[in-house]
Amino acid sequence: MKRALVMMPAALIWAGVAFAGAPPKLPAGFGPLPEQPPIPKDNPMTKEKIELGKMLFFEPALSKSGHISCNSCHNLASWGVDHQKTSIGHRWQRGPRNAPTVFNAAFWSRQFWDGRAKDLEEQSKGPPVNPKEMAFASPKEVIKRLRALGYEPYFERVFGKGGLTYDNMAKAIAAFERTLLTPNSLFDRFARGEADLPPAAKRGMKKVVEIGCTNCHNGPLFTNNEFMPFYYGDDPGRKAITGKEEDDHVFRVASWRNVAMTAPYFHDGSVKTLEEAVRIMARVQLGVELSDRDVADIVAFLKTLTGEPPKVEVPRLPRPAGVAPDYRD
């Protein structure tokens, strides 16, 4: 992406900052994380559905081997990621891309780095039947496994008679994932006038506006929720899905929320440190070579976007008494 396409006069969007005690004036579009993500009309949230979704999220039996759960790659104890360059799947196969955090994923306009899933429901259907991830041959085999483990009454309690279906499995997982939000970061409290930012973080906030980062990283999620070219690495990005040349090396714009806690970085997980990621993004996307102080200030600002992780109690999973699950990989 050429610099001319992304730069914007800072004076148009920078309005300064204020001390704690009064809501500050922020760069245009910046603000605290919303309290609730969008909820589809065909998948309303209920306590029972969320609890079922939590069980399924932690359920290793959703994998053919019985070893891999959603939580394996999106570990809720480590900021919704596995901190692997690319995740380990069935029979120790490595996936092609870094696993993005599940925290705040409910705000995404589309799911996956290439946007191939329109929402959390569609995203949840992918991994169980992906041969490199959970490796079931078909959705039918997944439902057969869940029925054998005793999930049918749990599904019928939420969805009614005959409720144990692959679509409903995805709906339950999606409902749970919509609770995985990280509010009340230092920035959020600053935006509400409840706290102040360190001087370095204020300089960093101003710098990301000045050099043009916020053309893509804006809004409460610090992403425009769009797809942009990033000519880095060999991955063709959305082109692999659409087949269109204009989608070559096009990826979803990553959120800055909790970015300090979700290394390694980028779609290929090739960058180990946040400092290096900041330098590369400035150089590749904006044609800007940052000084050491600028990098340190931007990183200081990004660290203020680390929110409060949700408190999740690990569920007890259904299992038939006296019978071992039939895992055959």
Protein backbone atom coordinates (compact mmCIF):
# COMPACT_ATOMS: atom_id res chain seq x y z
CA MET A 1 0.00 0.00 0.00
CA LYS A 2 1.39 3.38 -0.97
CA ARG A 3 1.78 6.10 1.61
CA ALA A 4 -0.31 8.50 -0.42
CA LEU A 5 -3.31 6.22 -0.01
CA VAL A 6 -3.27 6.19 3.76
CA MET A 7 -1.81 9.46 5.04
CA MET A 8 -4.15 12.13 6.36
CA PRO A 9 -3.37 15.56 7.82
CA ALA A 10 -3.08 15.06 11.55
CA ALA A 11 -4.68 18.43 12.24
CA LEU A 12 -7.97 17.11 10.87
CA ILE A 13 -8.26 14.33 13.42
CA TRP A 14 -6.03 15.18 16.39
CA ALA A 15 -7.79 17.21 19.06
CA GLY A 16 -5.43 16.84 22.03
CA VAL A 17 -5.89 15.11 25.38
CA ALA A 18 -7.05 16.06 28.87
CA PHE A 19 -6.10 15.09 32.39
CA ALA A 20 -8.01 12.48 34.38
CA GLY A 21 -11.11 13.83 36.06
CA ALA A 22 -12.89 14.97 32.90
CA PRO A 23 -13.54 13.06 29.67
CA PRO A 24 -10.68 13.97 27.32
CA LYS A 25 -10.82 15.04 23.71
CA LEU A 26 -9.63 12.05 21.72
CA PRO A 27 -8.54 11.41 18.14
CA ALA A 28 -11.60 11.03 15.94
CA GLY A 29 -13.25 7.64 16.32
CA PHE A 30 -11.35 6.60 19.45
CA GLY A 31 -13.46 5.49 22.40
CA PRO A 32 -14.03 2.83 25.05
CA LEU A 33 -15.03 -0.71 24.14
CA PRO A 34 -18.83 -1.04 23.80
CA GLU A 35 -20.56 -3.01 26.54
CA GLN A 36 -22.19 -5.46 24.14
CA PRO A 37 -21.40 -6.72 20.63
CA PRO A 38 -23.98 -7.09 17.85
CA ILE A 39 -26.29 -10.07 18.44
CA PRO A 40 -28.00 -11.79 15.47
CA LYS A 41 -31.79 -11.94 15.57
CA ASP A 42 -31.71 -15.66 14.82
CA ASN A 43 -29.36 -16.44 17.72
CA PRO A 44 -30.51 -14.57 20.84
CA MET A 45 -28.41 -14.88 23.99
CA THR A 46 -29.74 -16.95 26.87
CA LYS A 47 -28.02 -18.18 30.02
CA GLU A 48 -28.57 -21.82 29.07
CA LYS A 49 -27.25 -21.34 25.54
CA ILE A 50 -24.14 -19.53 26.77
CA GLU A 51 -23.44 -22.32 29.26
CA LEU A 52 -23.83 -24.97 26.54
CA GLY A 53 -21.53 -22.95 24.30
CA LYS A 54 -18.95 -22.81 27.06
CA MET A 55 -19.07 -26.59 27.43
CA LEU A 56 -18.56 -27.00 23.69
CA PHE A 57 -15.73 -24.44 23.64
CA PHE A 58 -13.80 -26.54 26.17
CA GLU A 59 -14.86 -29.89 24.64
CA PRO A 60 -11.85 -31.83 23.25
CA ALA A 61 -14.27 -34.41 21.82
CA LEU A 62 -15.06 -31.90 19.06
CA SER A 63 -11.79 -33.17 17.58
CA LYS A 64 -11.45 -36.63 16.06
CA SER A 65 -8.53 -37.45 18.36
CA GLY A 66 -10.27 -36.14 21.48
CA HIS A 67 -7.23 -33.95 22.18
CA ILE A 68 -8.10 -30.57 20.67
CA SER A 69 -10.77 -28.12 21.78
CA CYS A 70 -11.53 -24.54 20.73
CA ASN A 71 -9.64 -23.54 23.86
CA SER A 72 -6.50 -25.32 22.61
CA CYS A 73 -5.81 -22.61 20.04
CA HIS A 74 -7.80 -19.81 21.68
CA ASN A 75 -6.74 -20.37 25.27
CA LEU A 76 -8.81 -18.22 27.61
CA ALA A 77 -6.05 -18.44 30.21
CA SER A 78 -3.59 -16.76 27.82
CA TRP A 79 -5.56 -13.91 26.24
CA GLY A 80 -7.50 -16.07 23.80
CA VAL A 81 -4.45 -17.26 21.84
CA ASP A 82 -1.95 -20.12 21.98
CA HIS A 83 1.17 -17.93 21.49
CA GLN A 84 2.28 -20.26 18.69
CA LYS A 85 3.56 -19.04 15.34
CA THR A 86 0.84 -21.19 13.80
CA SER A 87 -1.38 -23.56 15.74
CA ILE A 88 -0.96 -27.31 16.19
CA GLY A 89 -3.82 -29.43 14.89
CA HIS A 90 -4.65 -33.07 14.17
CA ARG A 91 -1.63 -35.39 14.31
CA TRP A 92 0.65 -32.43 15.06
CA GLN A 93 -0.02 -30.71 11.78
CA ARG A 94 0.69 -26.99 11.72
CA GLY A 95 -1.95 -24.67 10.34
CA PRO A 96 -1.00 -22.04 7.76
CA ARG A 97 -1.86 -18.98 9.86
CA ASN A 98 -1.53 -17.55 13.34
CA ALA A 99 -4.60 -18.04 15.54
CA PRO A 100 -6.16 -14.63 16.32
CA THR A 101 -7.53 -13.98 19.77
CA VAL A 102 -11.11 -14.96 20.50
CA PHE A 103 -11.42 -12.00 22.89
CA ASN A 104 -13.64 -9.31 21.35
CA ALA A 105 -14.02 -11.41 18.17
CA ALA A 106 -17.77 -10.77 18.44
CA PHE A 107 -17.16 -7.26 17.09
CA TRP A 108 -15.57 -8.43 13.83
CA SER A 109 -17.50 -7.79 10.61
CA ARG A 110 -16.16 -11.12 9.26
CA GLN A 111 -14.09 -13.93 10.77
CA PHE A 112 -10.66 -15.40 9.95
CA TRP A 113 -7.72 -13.47 8.52
CA ASP A 114 -9.21 -13.79 5.04
CA GLY A 115 -12.82 -13.13 6.05
CA ARG A 116 -14.13 -16.44 4.70
CA ALA A 117 -16.71 -16.73 7.51
CA LYS A 118 -19.40 -14.07 7.77
CA ASP A 119 -19.93 -14.41 11.53
CA LEU A 120 -19.06 -16.40 14.66
CA GLU A 121 -21.69 -19.02 13.84
CA GLU A 122 -20.14 -19.76 10.45
CA GLN A 123 -16.63 -19.61 11.89
CA SER A 124 -17.50 -22.20 14.54
CA LYS A 125 -18.47 -24.73 11.87
CA GLY A 126 -15.05 -24.71 10.22
CA PRO A 127 -12.46 -26.20 12.62
CA PRO A 128 -14.23 -29.49 13.53
CA VAL A 129 -14.22 -30.62 9.88
CA ASN A 130 -10.89 -29.06 8.86
CA PRO A 131 -8.40 -31.93 8.24
CA LYS A 132 -5.53 -29.92 9.72
CA GLU A 133 -7.44 -28.84 12.80
CA MET A 134 -10.01 -31.15 14.42
CA ALA A 135 -10.24 -33.51 11.43
CA PHE A 136 -13.76 -34.96 11.53
CA ALA A 137 -14.89 -36.31 8.15
CA SER A 138 -18.27 -34.55 8.30
CA PRO A 139 -20.67 -32.61 10.53
CA LYS A 140 -22.66 -35.84 10.87
CA GLU A 141 -19.69 -37.48 12.60
CA VAL A 142 -19.38 -34.55 15.01
CA ILE A 143 -23.03 -34.85 16.04
CA LYS A 144 -22.69 -38.62 16.42
CA ARG A 145 -19.82 -38.04 18.87
CA LEU A 146 -21.75 -35.43 20.86
CA ARG A 147 -24.79 -37.70 21.09
CA ALA A 148 -22.64 -40.58 22.35
CA LEU A 149 -21.22 -38.37 25.08
CA GLY A 150 -24.65 -37.39 26.36
CA TYR A 151 -25.13 -33.90 24.91
CA GLU A 152 -28.63 -34.45 23.52
CA PRO A 153 -30.59 -33.31 26.62
CA TYR A 154 -28.42 -30.21 26.91
CA PHE A 155 -29.20 -29.23 23.32
CA GLU A 156 -32.91 -29.99 23.71
CA ARG A 157 -33.04 -27.84 26.84
CA VAL A 158 -31.80 -24.90 24.76
CA PHE A 159 -33.15 -25.55 21.26
CA GLY A 160 -36.10 -27.92 21.80
CA LYS A 161 -36.74 -31.45 20.59
CA GLY A 162 -34.32 -32.53 17.89
CA GLY A 163 -32.05 -29.64 18.86
CA LEU A 164 -28.75 -31.55 18.59
CA THR A 165 -27.63 -30.27 15.18
CA TYR A 166 -24.41 -28.91 13.73
CA ASP A 167 -25.99 -25.49 13.19
CA ASN A 168 -27.09 -25.35 16.82
CA MET A 169 -23.65 -26.42 17.98
CA ALA A 170 -22.26 -23.39 16.16
CA LYS A 171 -24.95 -21.11 17.57
CA ALA A 172 -24.16 -22.16 21.13
CA ILE A 173 -20.41 -21.66 20.72
CA ALA A 174 -21.01 -18.26 19.11
CA ALA A 175 -23.29 -17.20 21.98
CA PHE A 176 -20.55 -18.03 24.48
CA GLU A 177 -17.89 -16.25 22.44
CA ARG A 178 -20.01 -13.08 22.49
CA THR A 179 -19.40 -12.93 26.24
CA LEU A 180 -15.60 -12.93 25.84
CA LEU A 181 -15.05 -9.18 26.00
CA THR A 182 -12.19 -7.26 27.61
CA PRO A 183 -13.44 -3.88 28.88
CA ASN A 184 -11.89 -1.35 31.25
CA SER A 185 -8.43 -1.03 29.81
CA LEU A 186 -6.41 1.93 31.01
CA PHE A 187 -7.33 3.66 27.74
CA ASP A 188 -11.03 2.97 28.32
CA ARG A 189 -10.84 4.49 31.78
CA PHE A 190 -8.90 7.44 30.35
CA ALA A 191 -11.56 7.93 27.67
CA ARG A 192 -14.23 8.07 30.37
CA GLY A 193 -12.26 10.56 32.44
CA GLU A 194 -11.53 8.04 35.18
CA ALA A 195 -7.73 7.78 34.79
CA ASP A 196 -4.79 9.38 33.05
CA LEU A 197 -2.31 7.96 30.57
CA PRO A 198 1.46 8.00 31.10
CA PRO A 199 3.26 10.72 29.09
CA ALA A 200 4.87 8.16 26.75
CA ALA A 201 1.48 6.64 25.96
CA LYS A 202 0.04 10.09 25.17
CA ARG A 203 2.94 10.75 22.81
CA GLY A 204 2.34 7.35 21.22
CA MET A 205 -1.36 8.06 20.76
CA LYS A 206 -0.50 11.30 19.02
CA LYS A 207 2.17 9.65 16.88
CA VAL A 208 -0.13 6.92 15.47
CA VAL A 209 -2.44 9.68 14.29
CA GLU A 210 0.35 11.79 12.81
CA ILE A 211 1.86 9.03 10.70
CA GLY A 212 -1.47 7.61 9.49
CA CYS A 213 -1.90 4.36 11.45
CA THR A 214 -5.40 5.40 12.46
CA ASN A 215 -6.69 5.41 8.89
CA CYS A 216 -7.06 1.67 9.39
CA HIS A 217 -6.74 1.27 13.17
CA ASN A 218 -9.63 3.38 14.39
CA GLY A 219 -12.94 3.02 16.19
CA PRO A 220 -13.45 1.44 19.63
CA LEU A 221 -11.86 -1.83 18.45
CA PHE A 222 -8.93 0.07 16.90
CA THR A 223 -9.61 -1.44 13.51
CA ASN A 224 -11.79 -0.29 10.65
CA ASN A 225 -13.08 -3.88 10.39
CA GLU A 226 -12.07 -3.93 6.74
CA PHE A 227 -9.55 -5.80 4.57
CA MET A 228 -6.41 -4.09 3.35
CA PRO A 229 -3.30 -5.05 1.35
CA PHE A 230 -0.29 -6.05 3.44
CA TYR A 231 2.62 -7.04 1.19
CA TYR A 232 4.49 -9.07 3.73
CA GLY A 233 5.30 -12.78 3.44
CA ASP A 234 4.12 -15.31 0.88
CA ASP A 235 0.50 -15.82 1.99
CA PRO A 236 -1.90 -14.67 -0.77
CA GLY A 237 -4.57 -13.71 1.79
CA ARG A 238 -8.10 -13.27 0.47
CA LYS A 239 -6.96 -14.17 -3.03
CA ALA A 240 -6.91 -17.81 -1.96
CA ILE A 241 -10.65 -17.50 -1.24
CA THR A 242 -11.88 -15.20 -4.01
CA GLY A 243 -9.37 -15.96 -6.76
CA LYS A 244 -9.24 -12.24 -7.55
CA GLU A 245 -5.90 -10.62 -8.28
CA GLU A 246 -6.91 -7.48 -6.42
CA ASP A 247 -7.22 -9.59 -3.26
CA ASP A 248 -3.59 -10.69 -3.36
CA HIS A 249 -2.02 -10.20 0.10
CA VAL A 250 -5.23 -8.66 1.41
CA PHE A 251 -5.99 -9.40 5.07
CA ARG A 252 -8.32 -8.28 7.81
CA VAL A 253 -7.01 -5.23 9.67
CA ALA A 254 -6.03 -6.54 13.10
CA SER A 255 -7.42 -5.00 16.28
CA TRP A 256 -5.07 -3.24 18.68
CA ARG A 257 -7.13 -4.39 21.65
CA ASN A 258 -4.93 -6.59 23.90
CA VAL A 259 -2.25 -6.60 21.21
CA ALA A 260 0.51 -6.40 23.83
CA MET A 261 -0.62 -9.78 25.16
CA THR A 262 -1.12 -11.75 21.92
CA ALA A 263 2.34 -12.23 20.41
CA PRO A 264 3.57 -13.47 17.96
CA TYR A 265 2.23 -11.09 15.35
CA PHE A 266 0.77 -10.91 11.84
CA HIS A 267 -1.13 -13.53 9.89
CA ASP A 268 1.92 -15.79 9.73
CA GLY A 269 3.03 -15.30 13.33
CA SER A 270 6.52 -14.47 12.10
CA VAL A 271 7.17 -11.46 14.36
CA LYS A 272 7.99 -12.17 17.99
CA THR A 273 7.88 -8.71 19.56
CA LEU A 274 5.47 -5.80 19.51
CA GLU A 275 8.33 -3.37 18.91
CA GLU A 276 9.32 -5.20 15.73
CA ALA A 277 5.70 -5.38 14.58
CA VAL A 278 5.32 -1.61 15.00
CA ARG A 279 8.48 -0.94 12.97
CA ILE A 280 7.41 -3.27 10.16
CA MET A 281 3.89 -1.87 9.91
CA ALA A 282 5.15 1.70 9.77
CA ARG A 283 7.71 0.86 7.10
CA VAL A 284 5.61 -1.47 4.90
CA GLN A 285 2.24 0.26 5.14
CA LEU A 286 3.22 3.89 5.55
CA GLY A 287 6.78 4.20 4.26
CA VAL A 288 7.84 5.59 7.63
CA GLU A 289 11.06 4.71 9.49
CA LEU A 290 10.37 5.23 13.17
CA SER A 291 12.94 6.31 15.74
CA ASP A 292 13.54 4.17 18.82
CA ARG A 293 11.68 6.72 20.94
CA ASP A 294 8.69 6.73 18.57
CA VAL A 295 8.53 2.93 18.70
CA ALA A 296 8.72 2.98 22.50
CA ASP A 297 5.97 5.61 22.71
CA ILE A 298 3.64 3.73 20.34
CA VAL A 299 4.19 0.51 22.25
CA ALA A 300 3.45 2.37 25.49
CA PHE A 301 0.14 3.49 24.01
CA LEU A 302 -0.72 0.02 22.70
CA LYS A 303 -0.16 -1.42 26.17
CA THR A 304 -2.90 0.85 27.51
CA LEU A 305 -5.36 -1.11 25.33
CA THR A 306 -5.00 -4.28 27.43
CA GLY A 307 -8.41 -4.82 29.02
CA GLU A 308 -9.79 -6.99 31.79
CA PRO A 309 -10.04 -10.63 30.64
CA PRO A 310 -13.39 -12.32 31.31
CA LYS A 311 -13.67 -14.61 34.30
CA VAL A 312 -14.63 -18.05 33.01
CA GLU A 313 -15.20 -21.08 35.22
CA VAL A 314 -14.15 -24.28 33.48
CA PRO A 315 -17.30 -26.39 32.93
CA ARG A 316 -17.92 -30.05 33.72
CA LEU A 317 -18.48 -31.89 30.45
CA PRO A 318 -21.07 -34.61 29.77
CA ARG A 319 -19.69 -38.15 29.83
CA PRO A 320 -21.47 -41.53 29.99
CA ALA A 321 -20.86 -43.40 33.25
CA GLY A 322 -18.54 -46.38 33.04
CA VAL A 323 -17.75 -46.01 29.32
CA ALA A 324 -14.68 -44.44 27.77
CA PRO A 325 -15.29 -42.08 24.82
CA ASP A 326 -14.59 -43.73 21.46
CA TYR A 327 -11.68 -41.70 20.10
CA ARG A 328 -10.26 -43.01 16.86
CA ASP A 329 -7.83 -40.82 14.97
